[in-house]
């Protein structure tokens, strides 16, 4: 389960922006490992992008092509649009007024509708990503309005999650959707200003975090400051819960909260009134802060029981079905001496399909664990996400099909406990109404077009039945 992307943008006084963007993307590499790209501007927009990790895509030669003190960058993991070079970002579109480059984190739920309308107007697409849809729609608005008004009109038409960095000719702009689903923050250097998906990238470059981009806000960067334009008047926000639990780096500050402390508090909450055990171990790396909090609260020793091979990428060659156990061991290995004869509490961020959890539990049993108790830093995931997370369908989500006891039996643990929804919300420190909890509750801040169409048909059908019952001739059903 992965977030879609990381975005970055910078406006400097004089020196080239390419190298700072490169380092910023390195710091955001955890948000996407499929492709990377950078666009900069001097007298024109220059772009380099490709498949692979940041250091695989860029070398000194390619960075040398990227001249100019302003630019944007992107690391990608695909949710909308296949994993291929045509979908690498930033997306680039030429128009009568110049050139636009766009980097996008999120998912536009009405992108298919917008794309069909634009294609009917004769616009040609070269990718299947929703980012190119945004680019073409922005071009359409720029042909009618000034830059800020065009961006406002763009935001009025998009439905979904998005944090964007734009390079419109030589102007760097950042946008966060009206619900604030995806993160975006502003930082400052001695010689310029920066936009980033996470504050850790600003820290990496020796900058100062100023604040988060507010939901529905447009930020225009300049070397000596930034201009803010608030578009949305929506009082409701819906920050993605999974940013706090899994996606963001633990050293990032998101909407005022240090991610490490949120996860540490989740671990402390999980430890309240829990089982007797000998050691606490995390599933690295995402379970580490949870396990530290659990150990602090329970007074049980924190132990490294699983060691992660950090040189195995997400795209390593997968073996056949008969070697899946080896595939797991390529990424994780058990320290048998720490596990043997122990009652183990193992802590992870989430259970999605349950297959990897089962394999890890089997490895602990084989290493001689006397008991294995699993503790999870999120409530059961019962619904898929369509707002920027590559999450399985209902049929693949184990908690959507099984009770807690059923999941416990499937993964083979002695006990299983998830944090409660109330405990998660309290640990994050934001009111429930300010969070997107759709994958945990099935209630989303944004309705999908298909769901809306189905609801309209159901309403029309109910109205037809009511009219028949009341003796009123029914009108034919209308497609929404």
Protein backbone atom coordinates (compact mmCIF):
# COMPACT_ATOMS: atom_id res chain seq x y z
CA UNK A 1 0.00 0.00 0.00
CA UNK A 2 1.67 3.18 -1.14
CA UNK A 3 1.02 6.81 -1.46
CA UNK A 4 0.96 8.20 -4.95
CA UNK A 5 3.79 10.75 -5.00
CA UNK A 6 5.98 13.43 -3.52
CA UNK A 7 6.16 16.95 -4.94
CA UNK A 8 8.67 19.75 -4.57
CA UNK A 9 9.05 23.32 -5.84
CA UNK A 10 11.62 26.05 -5.33
CA UNK A 11 12.30 29.69 -6.25
CA UNK A 12 15.86 30.88 -5.70
CA UNK A 13 17.50 34.27 -6.12
CA UNK A 14 20.15 33.37 -8.67
CA UNK A 15 21.74 29.91 -8.51
CA UNK A 16 20.36 26.91 -10.41
CA UNK A 17 17.51 25.08 -8.70
CA UNK A 18 18.21 21.60 -10.10
CA UNK A 19 20.58 20.35 -7.38
CA UNK A 20 18.43 21.50 -4.42
CA UNK A 21 15.40 19.88 -6.10
CA UNK A 22 17.42 16.68 -6.58
CA UNK A 23 18.28 16.57 -2.87
CA UNK A 24 14.69 17.43 -1.95
CA UNK A 25 13.41 14.52 -4.02
CA UNK A 26 15.98 12.25 -2.39
CA UNK A 27 14.43 13.17 0.97
CA UNK A 28 10.96 12.36 -0.45
CA UNK A 29 12.01 9.07 -2.06
CA UNK A 30 9.87 7.06 0.38
CA UNK A 31 6.76 8.58 -1.24
CA UNK A 32 7.46 7.06 -4.67
CA UNK A 33 10.03 4.75 -6.23
CA UNK A 34 8.74 4.22 -9.78
CA UNK A 35 9.92 7.39 -11.47
CA UNK A 36 11.39 10.82 -10.83
CA UNK A 37 11.49 14.10 -12.69
CA UNK A 38 12.65 17.72 -12.50
CA UNK A 39 11.60 20.77 -14.52
CA UNK A 40 13.41 24.12 -14.31
CA UNK A 41 13.15 27.49 -16.05
CA UNK A 42 15.60 30.06 -17.29
CA UNK A 43 14.57 31.41 -20.70
CA UNK A 44 12.42 28.31 -21.23
CA UNK A 45 11.34 25.22 -19.29
CA UNK A 46 13.85 22.36 -19.30
CA UNK A 47 12.78 18.89 -18.14
CA UNK A 48 14.45 15.59 -17.31
CA UNK A 49 12.52 12.55 -16.06
CA UNK A 50 12.63 8.78 -16.19
CA UNK A 51 11.78 5.47 -14.57
CA UNK A 52 13.58 4.49 -11.40
CA UNK A 53 14.85 5.98 -8.16
CA UNK A 54 16.12 9.55 -7.97
CA UNK A 55 19.79 8.55 -8.15
CA UNK A 56 19.06 6.19 -11.05
CA UNK A 57 17.30 8.86 -13.12
CA UNK A 58 19.69 11.76 -12.50
CA UNK A 59 23.41 12.07 -12.92
CA UNK A 60 25.68 15.10 -13.24
CA UNK A 61 25.10 15.23 -16.99
CA UNK A 62 21.30 15.30 -16.80
CA UNK A 63 21.30 17.77 -13.93
CA UNK A 64 23.58 19.99 -15.98
CA UNK A 65 20.81 20.39 -18.57
CA UNK A 66 18.46 21.82 -15.97
CA UNK A 67 19.34 25.51 -15.89
CA UNK A 68 17.48 28.23 -14.06
CA UNK A 69 16.74 29.36 -10.49
CA UNK A 70 13.13 28.12 -10.37
CA UNK A 71 11.72 24.65 -10.76
CA UNK A 72 9.63 21.74 -9.52
CA UNK A 73 10.25 18.04 -8.92
CA UNK A 74 8.35 14.80 -8.50
CA UNK A 75 8.73 11.20 -7.30
CA UNK A 76 5.97 8.81 -8.33
CA UNK A 77 4.17 5.70 -7.27
CA UNK A 78 1.23 5.15 -9.59
CA UNK A 79 -2.42 4.99 -8.57
CA UNK A 80 -4.10 6.54 -11.63
CA UNK A 81 -2.09 5.82 -14.76
CA UNK A 82 0.11 2.81 -15.45
CA UNK A 83 3.76 2.52 -14.47
CA UNK A 84 5.40 3.62 -17.71
CA UNK A 85 7.65 6.41 -18.93
CA UNK A 86 4.78 8.37 -20.51
CA UNK A 87 3.30 8.85 -17.06
CA UNK A 88 6.50 10.19 -15.48
CA UNK A 89 6.14 13.64 -13.99
CA UNK A 90 6.33 16.60 -14.08
CA UNK A 91 3.80 16.57 -16.91
CA UNK A 92 4.62 19.10 -19.60
CA UNK A 93 2.15 20.94 -21.86
CA UNK A 94 2.86 23.72 -24.36
CA UNK A 95 0.23 26.34 -25.11
CA UNK A 96 -0.06 29.71 -26.82
CA UNK A 97 1.11 31.56 -23.71
CA UNK A 98 4.16 29.38 -23.05
CA UNK A 99 4.74 26.10 -21.19
CA UNK A 100 3.34 24.44 -18.07
CA UNK A 101 4.97 21.72 -15.94
CA UNK A 102 2.86 20.01 -13.24
CA UNK A 103 3.77 17.65 -10.38
CA UNK A 104 0.83 16.02 -8.62
CA UNK A 105 0.26 14.02 -5.44
CA UNK A 106 -3.25 12.61 -5.08
CA UNK A 107 -6.12 11.36 -7.22
CA UNK A 108 -8.75 13.29 -9.17
CA UNK A 109 -11.99 11.32 -8.92
CA UNK A 110 -13.69 13.13 -11.81
CA UNK A 111 -10.67 12.98 -14.13
CA UNK A 112 -12.42 10.62 -16.58
CA UNK A 113 -15.33 13.04 -17.00
CA UNK A 114 -12.97 15.99 -17.54
CA UNK A 115 -10.82 14.00 -19.96
CA UNK A 116 -13.81 13.00 -22.09
CA UNK A 117 -14.96 16.61 -22.30
CA UNK A 118 -11.48 17.81 -23.28
CA UNK A 119 -11.09 15.07 -25.89
CA UNK A 120 -14.44 16.12 -27.36
CA UNK A 121 -12.93 19.59 -27.78
CA UNK A 122 -10.05 18.10 -29.76
CA UNK A 123 -7.32 17.94 -27.10
CA UNK A 124 -4.87 15.07 -27.47
CA UNK A 125 -3.47 13.08 -24.53
CA UNK A 126 -0.19 11.15 -24.55
CA UNK A 127 -0.57 9.47 -21.13
CA UNK A 128 -3.33 7.90 -19.06
CA UNK A 129 -2.55 9.82 -15.86
CA UNK A 130 -4.91 12.29 -14.25
CA UNK A 131 -2.03 14.80 -14.05
CA UNK A 132 -2.15 15.37 -17.80
CA UNK A 133 -5.89 15.98 -17.44
CA UNK A 134 -5.09 18.72 -14.91
CA UNK A 135 -2.53 20.21 -17.28
CA UNK A 136 -4.91 20.41 -20.24
CA UNK A 137 -7.69 21.82 -18.09
CA UNK A 138 -5.33 24.48 -16.73
CA UNK A 139 -4.30 25.42 -20.27
CA UNK A 140 -7.96 25.88 -21.17
CA UNK A 141 -8.44 28.23 -18.21
CA UNK A 142 -5.22 30.14 -18.95
CA UNK A 143 -6.56 30.92 -22.41
CA UNK A 144 -9.43 32.76 -20.73
CA UNK A 145 -8.04 34.24 -17.50
CA UNK A 146 -4.95 35.57 -15.77
CA UNK A 147 -2.78 33.01 -13.95
CA UNK A 148 -4.34 33.19 -10.49
CA UNK A 149 -7.92 33.26 -11.77
CA UNK A 150 -7.14 30.33 -14.07
CA UNK A 151 -5.79 28.31 -11.14
CA UNK A 152 -8.88 29.21 -9.10
CA UNK A 153 -11.13 28.03 -11.94
CA UNK A 154 -9.08 24.82 -12.16
CA UNK A 155 -9.63 24.14 -8.47
CA UNK A 156 -13.34 24.78 -8.80
CA UNK A 157 -13.56 22.00 -11.42
CA UNK A 158 -11.34 19.36 -9.80
CA UNK A 159 -12.83 16.86 -7.35
CA UNK A 160 -10.50 14.67 -5.37
CA UNK A 161 -7.20 14.89 -3.53
CA UNK A 162 -4.33 16.97 -4.82
CA UNK A 163 -1.24 18.77 -3.74
CA UNK A 164 0.33 20.34 -6.82
CA UNK A 165 3.49 22.19 -7.66
CA UNK A 166 3.21 24.10 -10.95
CA UNK A 167 5.80 25.78 -13.12
CA UNK A 168 3.88 28.15 -15.40
CA UNK A 169 6.68 29.62 -17.50
CA UNK A 170 8.93 31.12 -14.76
CA UNK A 171 6.33 31.15 -11.95
CA UNK A 172 6.32 28.45 -9.22
CA UNK A 173 2.90 27.82 -7.66
CA UNK A 174 1.72 25.39 -4.99
CA UNK A 175 -1.89 24.24 -4.49
CA UNK A 176 -3.53 22.11 -1.81
CA UNK A 177 -7.03 20.73 -2.30
CA UNK A 178 -9.91 22.27 -0.30
CA UNK A 179 -10.04 19.30 2.08
CA UNK A 180 -6.29 19.28 2.71
CA UNK A 181 -6.19 15.54 2.06
CA UNK A 182 -2.61 15.49 0.81
CA UNK A 183 0.20 17.34 2.60
CA UNK A 184 2.13 20.37 1.35
CA UNK A 185 4.27 22.82 3.31
CA UNK A 186 6.30 26.01 2.83
CA UNK A 187 9.93 26.58 3.79
CA UNK A 188 12.56 29.29 3.60
CA UNK A 189 16.28 29.41 2.78
CA UNK A 190 18.72 32.29 2.82
CA UNK A 191 18.32 32.71 -0.93
CA UNK A 192 14.78 31.52 -1.64
CA UNK A 193 11.57 29.72 -0.74
CA UNK A 194 10.39 26.15 -1.18
CA UNK A 195 7.27 23.97 -1.34
CA UNK A 196 7.45 20.30 -0.31
CA UNK A 197 5.18 17.35 0.41
CA UNK A 198 6.99 16.96 3.73
CA UNK A 199 9.06 19.15 6.02
CA UNK A 200 11.84 16.54 6.18
CA UNK A 201 12.95 17.62 2.69
CA UNK A 202 13.22 21.23 3.89
CA UNK A 203 15.32 20.06 6.85
CA UNK A 204 17.58 18.11 4.50
CA UNK A 205 18.40 21.31 2.60
CA UNK A 206 19.06 23.28 5.79
CA UNK A 207 15.89 25.33 5.45
CA UNK A 208 13.30 26.52 7.92
CA UNK A 209 9.74 25.18 7.94
CA UNK A 210 7.32 28.11 7.94
CA UNK A 211 3.91 26.43 7.86
CA UNK A 212 1.64 24.06 6.00
CA UNK A 213 -0.16 25.21 2.88
CA UNK A 214 -3.74 25.61 4.07
CA UNK A 215 -6.54 23.58 2.52
CA UNK A 216 -7.77 25.32 -0.61
CA UNK A 217 -4.81 27.73 -0.69
CA UNK A 218 -2.74 28.87 -3.66
CA UNK A 219 0.90 29.83 -2.95
CA UNK A 220 3.03 31.75 -5.46
CA UNK A 221 6.73 31.47 -4.66
CA UNK A 222 9.28 34.23 -5.15
CA UNK A 223 12.96 34.29 -4.14
CA UNK A 224 12.15 36.90 -1.49
CA UNK A 225 8.84 35.53 -0.21
CA UNK A 226 5.50 34.10 -1.25
CA UNK A 227 1.99 35.32 -1.99
CA UNK A 228 -1.05 33.50 -0.59
CA UNK A 229 -4.45 33.30 -2.23
CA UNK A 230 -7.22 31.43 -0.42
CA UNK A 231 -9.74 29.90 -2.83
CA UNK A 232 -11.83 27.50 -0.82
CA UNK A 233 -14.27 28.67 1.81
CA UNK A 234 -14.87 25.07 2.96
CA UNK A 235 -14.80 24.84 6.75
CA UNK A 236 -14.39 21.03 6.66
CA UNK A 237 -10.97 19.42 6.23
CA UNK A 238 -10.11 15.76 5.71
CA UNK A 239 -6.40 15.14 6.32
CA UNK A 240 -5.41 11.61 5.29
CA UNK A 241 -5.08 9.41 8.37
CA UNK A 242 -2.47 7.22 6.69
CA UNK A 243 -0.02 10.10 6.38
CA UNK A 244 0.30 10.05 10.16
CA UNK A 245 0.41 6.28 10.51
CA UNK A 246 2.49 5.15 7.54
CA UNK A 247 3.32 7.44 4.62
CA UNK A 248 5.13 10.44 6.08
CA UNK A 249 8.66 10.20 7.43
CA UNK A 250 8.72 10.10 11.24
CA UNK A 251 10.86 13.26 11.32
CA UNK A 252 8.31 15.28 9.32
CA UNK A 253 5.91 17.78 10.85
CA UNK A 254 2.44 17.53 9.33
CA UNK A 255 -0.25 20.09 10.14
CA UNK A 256 1.60 20.95 13.33
CA UNK A 257 2.18 17.37 14.52
CA UNK A 258 5.55 15.61 14.63
CA UNK A 259 4.86 12.24 12.99
CA UNK A 260 7.22 10.36 15.33
CA UNK A 261 5.30 11.56 18.38
CA UNK A 262 1.94 10.58 16.85
CA UNK A 263 3.20 7.04 16.25
CA UNK A 264 4.83 6.84 19.67
CA UNK A 265 1.52 7.79 21.28
CA UNK A 266 -0.30 5.15 19.22
CA UNK A 267 2.10 2.56 20.64
CA UNK A 268 1.47 3.77 24.18
CA UNK A 269 -2.28 3.50 23.62
CA UNK A 270 -1.93 -0.05 22.29
CA UNK A 271 -0.02 -1.05 25.45
CA UNK A 272 -2.79 -0.06 27.87
CA UNK A 273 -4.03 -3.15 29.73
CA UNK A 274 -2.38 -5.53 27.30
CA UNK A 275 -1.00 -9.09 27.47
CA UNK A 276 1.93 -10.37 29.49
CA UNK A 277 4.99 -10.77 27.27
CA UNK A 278 8.79 -10.85 27.32
CA UNK A 279 9.82 -8.54 24.46
CA UNK A 280 8.43 -5.93 22.07
CA UNK A 281 9.58 -6.00 18.44
CA UNK A 282 8.63 -3.76 15.49
CA UNK A 283 8.10 -4.73 11.89
CA UNK A 284 10.70 -2.37 10.43
CA UNK A 285 10.69 0.38 9.52
CA UNK A 286 7.13 1.61 9.95
CA UNK A 287 6.53 -0.21 13.24
CA UNK A 288 9.54 1.21 15.09
CA UNK A 289 8.01 4.33 16.66
CA UNK A 290 4.88 2.38 17.63
CA UNK A 291 7.01 -0.28 19.34
CA UNK A 292 9.05 2.32 21.23
CA UNK A 293 5.87 3.88 22.61
CA UNK A 294 4.50 0.45 23.52
CA UNK A 295 7.72 -0.49 25.32
CA UNK A 296 7.72 2.79 27.27
CA UNK A 297 4.15 2.26 28.47
CA UNK A 298 4.39 -1.48 29.16
CA UNK A 299 7.88 -1.34 30.73
CA UNK A 300 8.83 -4.32 28.56
CA UNK A 301 12.14 -4.40 26.67
CA UNK A 302 12.22 -3.12 23.09
CA UNK A 303 14.17 -5.61 20.99
CA UNK A 304 15.30 -5.80 17.38
CA UNK A 305 13.78 -9.13 16.36
CA UNK A 306 13.48 -8.49 12.63
CA UNK A 307 16.22 -6.94 10.51
CA UNK A 308 15.32 -5.24 7.24
CA UNK A 309 17.46 -5.57 4.13
CA UNK A 310 17.50 -1.95 2.94
CA UNK A 311 19.15 -2.86 -0.34
CA UNK A 312 16.14 -4.76 -1.62
CA UNK A 313 14.00 -2.38 -3.64
CA UNK A 314 10.30 -2.59 -4.24
CA UNK A 315 10.91 -3.78 -7.80
CA UNK A 316 13.30 -6.69 -7.21
CA UNK A 317 12.62 -9.79 -9.34
CA UNK A 318 9.91 -11.83 -7.67
CA UNK A 319 10.40 -15.61 -7.59
CA UNK A 320 7.80 -18.22 -8.37
CA UNK A 321 5.06 -19.21 -5.98
CA UNK A 322 7.20 -21.93 -4.43
CA UNK A 323 9.83 -19.37 -3.34
CA UNK A 324 7.59 -16.72 -1.76
CA UNK A 325 9.02 -17.46 1.68
CA UNK A 326 12.48 -16.64 0.34
CA UNK A 327 11.08 -13.40 -1.08
CA UNK A 328 9.99 -12.31 2.40
CA UNK A 329 13.39 -13.29 3.84
CA UNK A 330 15.11 -11.15 1.24
CA UNK A 331 13.47 -8.18 2.93
CA UNK A 332 13.30 -9.36 6.56
CA UNK A 333 15.39 -11.75 8.61
CA UNK A 334 14.74 -12.96 12.18
CA UNK A 335 17.38 -12.68 14.89
CA UNK A 336 16.75 -16.13 16.31
CA UNK A 337 18.70 -15.57 19.52
CA UNK A 338 16.40 -12.64 20.44
CA UNK A 339 13.20 -14.56 19.68
CA UNK A 340 13.76 -18.13 20.83
CA UNK A 341 11.68 -19.07 23.89
CA UNK A 342 10.15 -15.59 24.17
CA UNK A 343 6.59 -14.33 24.35
CA UNK A 344 6.70 -11.73 21.59
CA UNK A 345 4.54 -8.67 20.95
CA UNK A 346 5.05 -7.70 17.30
CA UNK A 347 3.87 -4.24 16.21
CA UNK A 348 3.08 -3.09 12.69
CA UNK A 349 1.31 -0.11 11.11
CA UNK A 350 -1.52 -2.01 9.41
CA UNK A 351 -2.85 -5.30 8.06
CA UNK A 352 -4.11 -5.08 4.48
CA UNK A 353 -4.26 -8.50 2.82
CA UNK A 354 -2.69 -10.37 5.72
CA UNK A 355 -0.40 -12.55 3.60
CA UNK A 356 2.86 -10.82 4.57
CA UNK A 357 1.85 -10.76 8.24
CA UNK A 358 1.28 -14.53 8.11
CA UNK A 359 4.71 -15.14 6.59
CA UNK A 360 6.43 -13.01 9.25
CA UNK A 361 4.57 -14.82 12.04
CA UNK A 362 5.63 -18.17 10.55
CA UNK A 363 9.25 -16.97 10.57
CA UNK A 364 8.99 -16.03 14.26
CA UNK A 365 7.45 -19.42 15.10
CA UNK A 366 10.24 -21.17 13.20
CA UNK A 367 12.77 -19.15 15.20
CA UNK A 368 11.31 -20.57 18.42
CA UNK A 369 8.93 -17.86 19.62
CA UNK A 370 6.81 -19.25 22.46
CA UNK A 371 3.92 -16.86 21.76
CA UNK A 372 3.30 -14.21 19.10
CA UNK A 373 0.90 -11.34 19.81
CA UNK A 374 0.28 -8.84 17.04
CA UNK A 375 -0.59 -5.18 17.67
CA UNK A 376 -1.64 -2.86 14.87
CA UNK A 377 -1.38 0.95 14.77
CA UNK A 378 -4.58 1.43 12.75
CA UNK A 379 -8.11 0.10 13.20
CA UNK A 380 -9.18 -2.59 10.70
CA UNK A 381 -9.04 -1.39 7.08
CA UNK A 382 -12.47 -2.27 5.74
CA UNK A 383 -12.79 -0.06 2.63
CA UNK A 384 -10.54 0.75 -0.34
CA UNK A 385 -9.26 4.25 -0.99
CA UNK A 386 -9.64 6.21 -4.22
CA UNK A 387 -8.05 9.45 -3.01
CA UNK A 388 -4.41 8.69 -3.71
CA UNK A 389 -3.61 5.39 -1.97
CA UNK A 390 -2.91 2.21 -3.91
CA UNK A 391 -5.16 0.08 -1.71
CA UNK A 392 -6.75 -3.27 -2.63
CA UNK A 393 -10.42 -3.84 -3.43
CA UNK A 394 -12.98 -4.96 -0.87
CA UNK A 395 -12.37 -8.58 -1.83
CA UNK A 396 -8.66 -8.31 -1.08
CA UNK A 397 -8.98 -6.46 2.24
CA UNK A 398 -8.88 -9.15 4.89
CA UNK A 399 -10.67 -7.04 7.54
CA UNK A 400 -13.56 -6.41 5.11
CA UNK A 401 -14.18 -10.16 4.95
CA UNK A 402 -13.20 -11.42 8.40
CA UNK A 403 -13.73 -10.53 12.04
CA UNK A 404 -10.78 -9.77 14.31
CA UNK A 405 -10.83 -13.41 15.43
CA UNK A 406 -10.93 -14.49 11.79
CA UNK A 407 -7.90 -12.36 10.95
CA UNK A 408 -6.12 -13.72 14.04
CA UNK A 409 -6.63 -17.29 12.87
CA UNK A 410 -5.59 -16.48 9.32
CA UNK A 411 -2.25 -14.87 10.27
CA UNK A 412 -1.60 -17.45 13.00
CA UNK A 413 -1.04 -15.29 16.09
CA UNK A 414 -1.95 -16.01 19.72
CA UNK A 415 -3.75 -12.68 19.97
CA UNK A 416 -4.49 -9.70 17.75
CA UNK A 417 -5.41 -6.16 18.75
CA UNK A 418 -5.94 -3.07 16.65
CA UNK A 419 -5.92 0.43 18.06
CA UNK A 420 -9.46 1.76 18.44
CA UNK A 421 -10.70 4.52 16.16
CA UNK A 422 -11.00 6.84 19.17
CA UNK A 423 -7.46 5.97 20.25
CA UNK A 424 -6.11 6.71 16.77
CA UNK A 425 -7.87 10.07 16.56
CA UNK A 426 -6.66 11.05 20.02
CA UNK A 427 -3.08 10.09 19.09
CA UNK A 428 -3.15 12.20 15.92
CA UNK A 429 -4.47 15.13 17.92
CA UNK A 430 -6.98 16.46 15.39
CA UNK A 431 -10.78 16.34 15.74
CA UNK A 432 -12.45 13.47 13.95
CA UNK A 433 -14.21 15.85 11.56
CA UNK A 434 -10.83 17.11 10.31
CA UNK A 435 -9.59 13.66 9.22
CA UNK A 436 -10.27 11.40 6.25
CA UNK A 437 -11.06 8.00 7.77
CA UNK A 438 -12.74 6.50 4.70
CA UNK A 439 -10.68 3.29 4.63
CA UNK A 440 -11.65 2.63 8.27
CA UNK A 441 -15.29 3.70 8.20
CA UNK A 442 -16.41 3.59 4.55
CA UNK A 443 -17.40 7.26 4.83
CA UNK A 444 -15.44 9.51 2.46
CA UNK A 445 -15.20 13.30 2.21
CA UNK A 446 -15.71 13.17 -1.56
CA UNK A 447 -18.26 11.09 -3.41
CA UNK A 448 -17.10 9.24 -6.49
CA UNK A 449 -19.00 9.99 -9.73
CA UNK A 450 -20.03 6.34 -10.06
CA UNK A 451 -21.34 6.26 -6.51
CA UNK A 452 -23.23 9.48 -7.12
CA UNK A 453 -24.79 8.04 -10.27
CA UNK A 454 -25.84 4.88 -8.42
CA UNK A 455 -27.33 6.94 -5.60
CA UNK A 456 -29.34 9.04 -8.05
CA UNK A 457 -30.68 5.89 -9.69
CA UNK A 458 -31.59 4.42 -6.31
CA UNK A 459 -33.33 7.67 -5.35
CA UNK A 460 -35.20 7.67 -8.65
CA UNK A 461 -36.23 4.04 -8.15
CA UNK A 462 -37.42 4.76 -4.61
CA UNK A 463 -39.40 7.72 -5.91
CA UNK A 464 -40.98 5.50 -8.60
CA UNK A 465 -41.99 2.88 -6.04
CA UNK A 466 -43.41 5.56 -3.74
CA UNK A 467 -45.53 7.01 -6.56
CA UNK A 468 -46.89 3.56 -7.39
CA UNK A 469 -47.74 2.94 -3.74
CA UNK A 470 -49.43 6.34 -3.52
CA UNK A 471 -51.38 5.69 -6.69
CA UNK A 472 -49.54 8.34 -8.72
CA UNK A 473 -48.42 7.34 -12.25
CA UNK A 474 -44.67 6.91 -12.24
CA UNK A 475 -42.42 8.78 -14.64
CA UNK A 476 -39.65 6.84 -16.44
CA UNK A 477 -36.30 6.55 -14.71
CA UNK A 478 -33.80 9.10 -15.92
CA UNK A 479 -30.08 8.38 -16.13
CA UNK A 480 -28.18 10.91 -14.10
